[in-house]
Amino acid sequence: MGVDVQRPWPPEPVPWQGRRVPHLQPAGSPSPPRGFLDAASGEPLHPAARAAFEAALDAGWADPGRLYGAARRARALLDGARESVARGLGCRADEVRFAASGTQAVHHGVAGLAAGRHRVGRHVVGSAVEHAAALHALAAATDAAAGPTLVPVDTLGRVDPAAFAAALRPDTALACLQSANHEVGTVQPVPAVAAACRAAGVPLLVDAAQSVGRAAVPADWSVLAASAHKWGGPPGVGVLAVRTGTRWRLPGPGPDPSDGRLPGFTDLPAALAAAVALEAVAAAAPAEDARLRALADRVRERVPATVPDVQVVGDPDDRLPHIVTFSCLYVDGEALITELDALGFAASSGSSCTSSTLEPSHVLVAMGAVSHGNVRVSLPRGVRADDVERFLAVLPEVVARVRDRLGVTGL
């Protein structure tokens, strides 16, 4: 087939009205697949994000760093996406960078702080329940022999601000704390920890991957990392925000790009889709999160009432609205997930960031909770209440069947 010479080239851009794209946002909420209960690992692409992505394939193909017309149009879309995300995070647009993933955003955030403050020292502090991406980055940023200082948490998975403050030292280069835990949903005391870090002159990186789009973003941070596919944006888009005045230096070779981009070519359609999705879910968050919290409360109530020897973990109140985690004694978590999958339910088990290794969850171990037979249910936006009820109906039989195969009876 030849090229259709009648088709105009380059294609006309999609209008960007006031750095917003409401005209790309279709009515209605995303509809996740039936039985999908693993939103903490990533949500299906929001319909508004899909529309924005497809439009930007034509409108944002050019290099935003060039000066010709198509490039200027692409730059306008990129700037608009940064402004939109900045509104959602409560920061300036020039403080926002798009990364290749949430993991890369965390790694660049930690490494950049360590590089910018290398004269201070190489001591770093985090909580014992940080995501594996943060733990690995903290380990790489400090002396291998000493390792990072990991502040313990209580049985609900929450760090003590006083203990965190006590861990800060004159040679502390940086501190890291998640906004809410990715496995049990417990909200961390970021404002109190941020105040302690500010008093000690230590920059704080907040890993907000699980909370952006679902809860208010804490204001007191030096660096913030997030992941678009957690809020219904496309996979492969991370957000790294660095406050002006923070001693942060781009890790790796080459100078920090003057235009605020990370090295490499920004995936503009994906970045635009991420920004549109964040606007859409933030607008619907109050009503949808209240609905999800009620469904999660239902799970927290019914699971221990219908399944013997179950421990529900995490804070029952001060938590993200969509995550419920429980551990079933005398069973293997992977076996439970396999059985549930055969019945059409997608959930997760063990550490959500290392489940493929079959290692016990470091989060549950740090909390002193049962770390085997673990199931994390995380409700996606738009989940049907009857799907939650179907899950609750089959769970007791699934647990009993797995226990029976292991010879555990009479509970």
Protein backbone atom coordinates (compact mmCIF):
# COMPACT_ATOMS: atom_id res chain seq x y z
CA MET A 1 0.00 0.00 0.00
CA GLY A 2 1.23 3.48 -0.75
CA VAL A 3 1.04 6.57 1.39
CA ASP A 4 -2.23 8.47 1.16
CA VAL A 5 -0.97 11.78 -0.16
CA GLN A 6 -4.36 13.36 0.40
CA ARG A 7 -3.98 13.10 4.17
CA PRO A 8 -2.70 16.40 5.63
CA TRP A 9 0.71 16.24 7.26
CA PRO A 10 1.59 17.09 9.90
CA PRO A 11 -1.80 16.43 11.49
CA GLU A 12 -3.61 19.28 13.15
CA PRO A 13 -3.20 19.42 16.94
CA VAL A 14 -5.99 18.94 19.42
CA PRO A 15 -6.86 22.34 20.94
CA TRP A 16 -5.51 22.86 24.45
CA GLN A 17 -7.88 25.21 26.20
CA GLY A 18 -6.40 26.89 29.23
CA ARG A 19 -4.00 23.99 29.77
CA ARG A 20 -6.94 21.67 30.43
CA VAL A 21 -8.60 19.06 28.26
CA PRO A 22 -12.19 18.67 29.48
CA HIS A 23 -13.30 18.10 25.88
CA LEU A 24 -11.39 14.80 25.92
CA GLN A 25 -13.06 13.52 29.06
CA PRO A 26 -16.09 11.32 28.29
CA ALA A 27 -18.85 11.02 30.82
CA GLY A 28 -18.97 8.04 33.13
CA SER A 29 -16.56 6.15 35.33
CA PRO A 30 -14.09 3.47 34.26
CA SER A 31 -15.48 -0.05 34.41
CA PRO A 32 -12.86 -2.53 35.63
CA PRO A 33 -13.06 -6.19 34.60
CA ARG A 34 -15.42 -8.28 36.66
CA GLY A 35 -13.61 -9.69 39.69
CA PHE A 36 -10.57 -7.41 39.41
CA LEU A 37 -9.51 -6.65 43.01
CA ASP A 38 -5.88 -5.61 42.60
CA ALA A 39 -6.09 -1.86 41.99
CA ALA A 40 -3.09 -1.17 44.24
CA SER A 41 -0.94 -2.80 41.55
CA GLY A 42 -2.47 -0.59 38.86
CA GLU A 43 -5.89 0.28 37.49
CA PRO A 44 -7.30 -0.20 34.01
CA LEU A 45 -6.79 2.80 31.74
CA HIS A 46 -9.36 5.51 32.45
CA PRO A 47 -11.59 6.28 29.43
CA ALA A 48 -10.55 9.93 29.55
CA ALA A 49 -6.89 8.91 29.47
CA ARG A 50 -7.49 6.66 26.48
CA ALA A 51 -9.13 9.50 24.55
CA ALA A 52 -6.30 11.88 25.39
CA PHE A 53 -3.65 9.33 24.47
CA GLU A 54 -5.17 8.62 21.07
CA ALA A 55 -5.58 12.32 20.29
CA ALA A 56 -2.01 13.10 21.34
CA LEU A 57 -0.62 10.44 19.01
CA ASP A 58 -1.47 12.83 16.20
CA ALA A 59 -1.06 16.13 18.02
CA GLY A 60 2.09 15.46 20.04
CA TRP A 61 4.40 13.46 17.81
CA ALA A 62 7.12 16.10 17.43
CA ASP A 63 10.11 16.79 19.69
CA PRO A 64 8.96 19.44 22.22
CA GLY A 65 12.52 20.75 22.40
CA ARG A 66 12.54 22.00 18.77
CA LEU A 67 11.37 25.36 17.45
CA TYR A 68 9.19 24.58 14.43
CA GLY A 69 5.42 24.67 14.57
CA ALA A 70 4.65 21.01 15.25
CA ALA A 71 7.29 20.97 18.00
CA ARG A 72 5.84 24.10 19.61
CA ARG A 73 2.41 22.46 19.61
CA ALA A 74 3.89 19.38 21.26
CA ARG A 75 5.60 21.58 23.84
CA ALA A 76 2.31 23.29 24.60
CA LEU A 77 0.74 19.89 25.28
CA LEU A 78 3.66 18.86 27.49
CA ASP A 79 3.53 22.12 29.43
CA GLY A 80 -0.19 21.71 29.86
CA ALA A 81 0.24 18.19 31.18
CA ARG A 82 2.83 19.39 33.70
CA GLU A 83 0.55 22.22 34.83
CA SER A 84 -2.36 19.83 35.26
CA VAL A 85 -0.34 17.36 37.33
CA ALA A 86 1.16 20.21 39.35
CA ARG A 87 -2.35 21.35 40.33
CA GLY A 88 -3.08 17.85 41.56
CA LEU A 89 0.11 17.76 43.61
CA GLY A 90 -0.09 21.30 44.94
CA CYS A 91 3.19 22.48 43.43
CA ARG A 92 4.52 24.54 40.53
CA ALA A 93 4.52 23.23 36.99
CA ASP A 94 8.27 23.77 36.62
CA GLU A 95 8.80 21.44 39.60
CA VAL A 96 7.19 18.48 37.80
CA ARG A 97 9.11 15.98 35.68
CA PHE A 98 7.74 12.91 33.92
CA ALA A 99 9.70 9.70 34.48
CA ALA A 100 9.48 6.28 32.86
CA SER A 101 7.79 4.74 35.92
CA GLY A 102 7.05 5.31 39.58
CA THR A 103 10.08 3.19 40.42
CA GLN A 104 12.33 5.39 38.28
CA ALA A 105 10.85 8.48 39.93
CA VAL A 106 11.70 7.11 43.39
CA HIS A 107 15.19 6.07 42.29
CA HIS A 108 15.93 9.45 40.69
CA GLY A 109 14.44 11.25 43.68
CA VAL A 110 16.62 9.44 46.22
CA ALA A 111 19.76 9.45 44.06
CA GLY A 112 19.32 13.13 43.21
CA LEU A 113 19.01 14.13 46.86
CA ALA A 114 22.02 12.00 47.78
CA ALA A 115 24.06 13.60 45.01
CA GLY A 116 22.94 17.11 45.88
CA ARG A 117 23.80 16.66 49.55
CA HIS A 118 26.86 14.44 49.32
CA ARG A 119 28.92 16.94 51.34
CA VAL A 120 26.53 16.52 54.29
CA GLY A 121 27.04 12.77 54.55
CA ARG A 122 25.70 9.46 53.33
CA HIS A 123 23.34 8.57 56.15
CA VAL A 124 19.74 8.04 54.99
CA VAL A 125 16.52 7.33 56.90
CA GLY A 126 13.27 5.63 55.91
CA SER A 127 10.50 3.59 57.46
CA ALA A 128 10.69 -0.19 57.69
CA VAL A 129 7.60 -0.51 55.47
CA GLU A 130 8.71 1.50 52.44
CA HIS A 131 8.11 0.06 48.99
CA ALA A 132 10.95 -2.11 47.72
CA ALA A 133 11.81 0.56 45.15
CA ALA A 134 12.54 3.02 47.96
CA LEU A 135 14.38 0.47 50.09
CA HIS A 136 16.67 -0.42 47.20
CA ALA A 137 17.33 3.23 46.42
CA LEU A 138 18.09 4.04 50.05
CA ALA A 139 20.49 1.11 50.26
CA ALA A 140 22.31 2.32 47.16
CA ALA A 141 22.55 5.88 48.48
CA THR A 142 24.35 5.00 51.71
CA ASP A 143 27.42 3.09 52.79
CA ALA A 144 26.93 -0.58 52.02
CA ALA A 145 28.30 -1.67 55.39
CA ALA A 146 26.07 0.59 57.47
CA GLY A 147 22.94 0.51 55.33
CA PRO A 148 19.97 2.86 55.77
CA THR A 149 18.36 3.52 59.14
CA LEU A 150 14.87 2.00 58.96
CA VAL A 151 12.49 3.29 61.61
CA PRO A 152 10.17 0.57 62.96
CA VAL A 153 6.38 0.76 62.78
CA ASP A 154 3.60 -0.23 65.17
CA THR A 155 1.16 -3.11 64.71
CA LEU A 156 -0.99 -0.95 62.42
CA GLY A 157 1.95 -0.27 60.11
CA ARG A 158 2.45 3.36 61.15
CA VAL A 159 5.78 4.97 61.94
CA ASP A 160 6.22 7.01 65.15
CA PRO A 161 7.18 10.62 64.28
CA ALA A 162 9.26 10.91 67.46
CA ALA A 163 11.21 7.78 66.57
CA PHE A 164 11.69 9.08 63.03
CA ALA A 165 12.97 12.40 64.36
CA ALA A 166 15.37 10.60 66.70
CA ALA A 167 16.87 8.74 63.73
CA LEU A 168 17.93 11.97 62.00
CA ARG A 169 21.60 12.90 62.42
CA PRO A 170 23.90 15.76 61.40
CA ASP A 171 25.19 13.59 58.53
CA THR A 172 21.71 12.60 57.30
CA ALA A 173 21.52 13.39 53.61
CA LEU A 174 17.86 12.58 53.11
CA ALA A 175 14.79 10.92 54.56
CA CYS A 176 12.04 8.94 52.82
CA LEU A 177 8.48 8.19 53.90
CA GLN A 178 5.52 6.86 51.97
CA SER A 179 2.25 8.78 52.20
CA ALA A 180 0.31 5.55 52.80
CA ASN A 181 1.32 1.94 52.84
CA HIS A 182 0.96 0.03 49.60
CA GLU A 183 0.09 -3.29 51.27
CA VAL A 184 -2.18 -2.47 54.20
CA GLY A 185 -3.36 1.06 53.34
CA THR A 186 -2.32 2.70 56.63
CA VAL A 187 -1.79 6.45 56.24
CA GLN A 188 1.59 7.67 57.48
CA PRO A 189 2.04 10.84 59.62
CA VAL A 190 3.80 12.78 56.87
CA PRO A 191 3.12 16.29 58.30
CA ALA A 192 4.68 15.43 61.68
CA VAL A 193 7.66 13.68 60.10
CA ALA A 194 8.09 16.55 57.63
CA ALA A 195 8.18 19.02 60.52
CA ALA A 196 10.92 16.98 62.21
CA CYS A 197 12.90 16.83 58.97
CA ARG A 198 12.51 20.56 58.40
CA ALA A 199 13.77 21.28 61.92
CA ALA A 200 16.81 19.07 61.29
CA GLY A 201 17.45 20.55 57.84
CA VAL A 202 16.91 17.20 56.13
CA PRO A 203 14.97 16.99 52.83
CA LEU A 204 12.06 14.55 52.82
CA LEU A 205 11.09 12.41 49.84
CA VAL A 206 7.45 11.34 49.95
CA ASP A 207 6.49 8.25 47.97
CA ALA A 208 2.87 9.08 47.17
CA ALA A 209 2.28 6.34 44.59
CA GLN A 210 -0.71 4.83 46.38
CA SER A 211 -2.39 8.03 47.54
CA VAL A 212 -2.25 10.46 44.60
CA GLY A 213 -5.74 10.64 43.14
CA ARG A 214 -7.29 9.12 46.27
CA ALA A 215 -6.25 11.30 49.20
CA ALA A 216 -5.02 14.81 49.76
CA VAL A 217 -1.34 15.16 48.88
CA PRO A 218 0.74 16.18 51.91
CA ALA A 219 2.13 19.67 51.47
CA ASP A 220 5.43 19.39 53.33
CA TRP A 221 7.83 17.54 51.05
CA SER A 222 11.05 18.30 49.27
CA VAL A 223 10.69 15.61 46.61
CA LEU A 224 7.59 13.61 45.70
CA ALA A 225 7.22 10.50 43.54
CA ALA A 226 4.06 9.02 42.04
CA SER A 227 2.96 6.48 39.44
CA ALA A 228 0.28 7.19 36.85
CA HIS A 229 -1.08 3.67 36.41
CA LYS A 230 -2.13 3.70 40.07
CA TRP A 231 -4.76 6.36 39.26
CA GLY A 232 -5.88 5.05 35.88
CA GLY A 233 -3.19 6.60 33.73
CA PRO A 234 -1.10 4.54 31.32
CA PRO A 235 1.70 2.31 32.60
CA GLY A 236 5.20 3.58 32.06
CA VAL A 237 4.60 7.09 33.39
CA GLY A 238 6.05 8.21 36.70
CA VAL A 239 5.96 11.67 38.23
CA LEU A 240 8.93 13.23 40.01
CA ALA A 241 8.36 16.61 41.65
CA VAL A 242 11.26 18.54 43.16
CA ARG A 243 10.58 21.68 45.18
CA THR A 244 12.43 24.77 44.08
CA GLY A 245 15.39 25.35 46.38
CA THR A 246 15.90 21.66 47.18
CA ARG A 247 19.47 20.50 46.80
CA TRP A 248 18.76 17.88 44.18
CA ARG A 249 21.05 16.97 41.32
CA LEU A 250 20.06 14.83 38.37
CA PRO A 251 21.82 11.47 38.80
CA GLY A 252 23.83 10.05 35.93
CA PRO A 253 25.91 11.67 33.21
CA GLY A 254 25.15 15.05 31.71
CA PRO A 255 23.73 18.30 33.11
CA ASP A 256 20.20 18.72 34.40
CA PRO A 257 18.13 19.71 31.33
CA SER A 258 17.21 23.37 31.54
CA ASP A 259 13.64 22.68 30.44
CA GLY A 260 12.89 20.52 33.49
CA ARG A 261 12.70 17.23 31.62
CA LEU A 262 14.55 14.10 32.58
CA PRO A 263 17.04 12.83 29.97
CA GLY A 264 15.52 11.12 26.97
CA PHE A 265 12.42 11.70 24.89
CA THR A 266 9.26 12.19 26.94
CA ASP A 267 6.39 9.91 25.99
CA LEU A 268 4.09 12.85 25.42
CA PRO A 269 0.87 10.92 24.63
CA ALA A 270 1.32 8.89 27.81
CA ALA A 271 2.16 11.95 29.91
CA LEU A 272 -0.89 13.79 28.61
CA ALA A 273 -3.07 10.76 29.28
CA ALA A 274 -1.72 10.57 32.83
CA ALA A 275 -2.56 14.22 33.45
CA VAL A 276 -6.08 13.85 32.07
CA ALA A 277 -6.71 10.72 34.15
CA LEU A 278 -5.58 12.50 37.33
CA GLU A 279 -7.96 15.37 36.66
CA ALA A 280 -10.81 12.95 36.04
CA VAL A 281 -10.30 10.78 39.14
CA ALA A 282 -9.65 13.77 41.40
CA ALA A 283 -12.96 15.31 40.36
CA ALA A 284 -14.82 12.08 41.15
CA ALA A 285 -12.78 11.12 44.23
CA PRO A 286 -15.04 12.35 47.07
CA ALA A 287 -18.07 10.32 46.01
CA GLU A 288 -16.22 7.30 44.64
CA ASP A 289 -13.82 6.98 47.55
CA ALA A 290 -16.72 7.12 50.02
CA ARG A 291 -18.36 4.28 48.11
CA LEU A 292 -15.14 2.26 48.06
CA ARG A 293 -14.56 2.84 51.78
CA ALA A 294 -17.99 1.40 52.54
CA LEU A 295 -17.22 -1.66 50.41
CA ALA A 296 -13.83 -2.07 52.09
CA ASP A 297 -15.52 -1.83 55.49
CA ARG A 298 -17.81 -4.61 54.34
CA VAL A 299 -14.79 -6.80 53.53
CA ARG A 300 -13.13 -5.98 56.86
CA GLU A 301 -16.31 -6.98 58.67
CA ARG A 302 -17.30 -10.13 56.77
CA VAL A 303 -13.95 -11.87 56.28
CA PRO A 304 -13.22 -12.52 59.98
CA ALA A 305 -16.88 -13.32 60.57
CA THR A 306 -17.00 -16.06 57.92
CA VAL A 307 -13.43 -17.42 57.78
CA PRO A 308 -11.90 -18.96 60.93
CA ASP A 309 -8.45 -17.88 62.10
CA VAL A 310 -8.08 -14.73 60.04
CA GLN A 311 -6.16 -11.59 60.98
CA VAL A 312 -7.19 -8.33 59.28
CA VAL A 313 -4.25 -5.93 59.32
CA GLY A 314 -3.74 -2.20 58.95
CA ASP A 315 -5.48 0.76 60.53
CA PRO A 316 -9.27 0.25 60.43
CA ASP A 317 -9.96 3.99 60.13
CA ASP A 318 -6.96 6.11 59.10
CA ARG A 319 -6.28 4.30 55.85
CA LEU A 320 -6.70 4.52 52.12
CA PRO A 321 -10.30 3.85 51.13
CA HIS A 322 -9.73 0.91 48.81
CA ILE A 323 -7.21 -1.46 50.46
CA VAL A 324 -8.00 -4.36 52.79
CA THR A 325 -5.38 -6.95 53.74
CA PHE A 326 -5.91 -10.10 55.79
CA SER A 327 -3.89 -13.19 56.61
CA CYS A 328 -5.36 -16.68 56.84
CA LEU A 329 -3.56 -19.02 59.21
CA TYR A 330 -2.46 -22.50 58.11
CA VAL A 331 -2.57 -21.77 54.36
CA ASP A 332 -0.27 -20.57 51.63
CA GLY A 333 -1.11 -17.18 50.14
CA GLU A 334 -0.11 -18.14 46.63
CA ALA A 335 -2.45 -21.16 46.77
CA LEU A 336 -5.31 -18.89 47.79
CA ILE A 337 -4.60 -16.48 44.95
CA THR A 338 -4.48 -19.35 42.45
CA GLU A 339 -7.82 -20.70 43.65
CA LEU A 340 -9.40 -17.25 43.54
CA ASP A 341 -8.04 -16.66 40.05
CA ALA A 342 -9.66 -19.87 38.85
CA LEU A 343 -12.96 -18.43 40.05
CA GLY A 344 -12.39 -15.15 38.22
CA PHE A 345 -11.01 -12.98 41.04
CA ALA A 346 -7.72 -11.11 40.74
CA ALA A 347 -6.11 -10.26 44.07
CA SER A 348 -2.53 -10.30 45.37
CA SER A 349 -0.58 -12.04 48.10
CA GLY A 350 2.65 -11.51 49.97
CA SER A 351 4.68 -8.41 49.34
CA SER A 352 3.04 -6.54 46.49
CA CYS A 353 6.43 -5.51 45.14
CA THR A 354 8.23 -8.89 45.47
CA SER A 355 5.44 -11.44 45.18
CA SER A 356 7.20 -13.29 42.35
CA THR A 357 10.01 -14.23 44.75
CA LEU A 358 7.58 -15.92 47.18
CA GLU A 359 9.31 -14.05 50.00
CA PRO A 360 7.24 -13.09 53.06
CA SER A 361 6.02 -9.51 53.03
CA HIS A 362 8.57 -7.25 54.71
CA VAL A 363 5.67 -4.94 55.58
CA LEU A 364 3.77 -7.60 57.51
CA VAL A 365 6.97 -8.79 59.18
CA ALA A 366 7.74 -5.24 60.32
CA MET A 367 4.21 -4.97 61.74
CA GLY A 368 4.53 -8.26 63.60
CA ALA A 369 1.57 -9.63 61.64
CA VAL A 370 1.05 -13.06 60.14
CA SER A 371 3.03 -12.98 56.90
CA HIS A 372 1.74 -16.16 55.24
CA GLY A 373 -1.70 -16.88 53.84
CA ASN A 374 -1.92 -13.20 53.02
CA VAL A 375 -4.49 -11.69 50.64
CA ARG A 376 -4.61 -8.04 49.67
CA VAL A 377 -7.90 -6.84 48.23
CA SER A 378 -7.68 -3.41 46.60
CA LEU A 379 -10.86 -2.11 45.04
CA PRO A 380 -10.64 -0.31 41.68
CA ARG A 381 -12.72 2.72 40.88
CA GLY A 382 -16.02 1.62 39.42
CA VAL A 383 -15.96 -1.82 41.05
CA ARG A 384 -19.42 -3.33 41.37
CA ALA A 385 -20.79 -4.01 44.83
CA ASP A 386 -22.08 -7.38 43.67
CA ASP A 387 -18.53 -8.39 42.67
CA VAL A 388 -17.40 -7.70 46.21
CA GLU A 389 -20.29 -9.76 47.54
CA ARG A 390 -19.44 -12.62 45.18
CA PHE A 391 -15.86 -12.55 46.47
CA LEU A 392 -17.06 -12.64 50.07
CA ALA A 393 -19.35 -15.56 49.24
CA VAL A 394 -16.65 -17.76 47.70
CA LEU A 395 -13.77 -16.90 50.03
CA PRO A 396 -14.74 -19.16 52.97
CA GLU A 397 -15.01 -22.19 50.69
CA VAL A 398 -11.70 -21.38 48.98
CA VAL A 399 -9.85 -21.09 52.29
CA ALA A 400 -11.44 -24.29 53.59
CA ARG A 401 -10.51 -26.15 50.40
CA VAL A 402 -6.86 -25.06 50.58
CA ARG A 403 -6.67 -25.94 54.26
CA ASP A 404 -8.22 -29.32 53.59
CA ARG A 405 -5.57 -30.12 50.98
CA LEU A 406 -2.91 -29.29 53.58
CA GLY A 407 -4.57 -31.52 56.14
CA VAL A 408 -5.78 -28.64 58.32
CA THR A 409 -9.30 -29.47 59.48
CA GLY A 410 -11.66 -28.86 62.35
CA LEU A 411 -11.16 -25.07 62.55
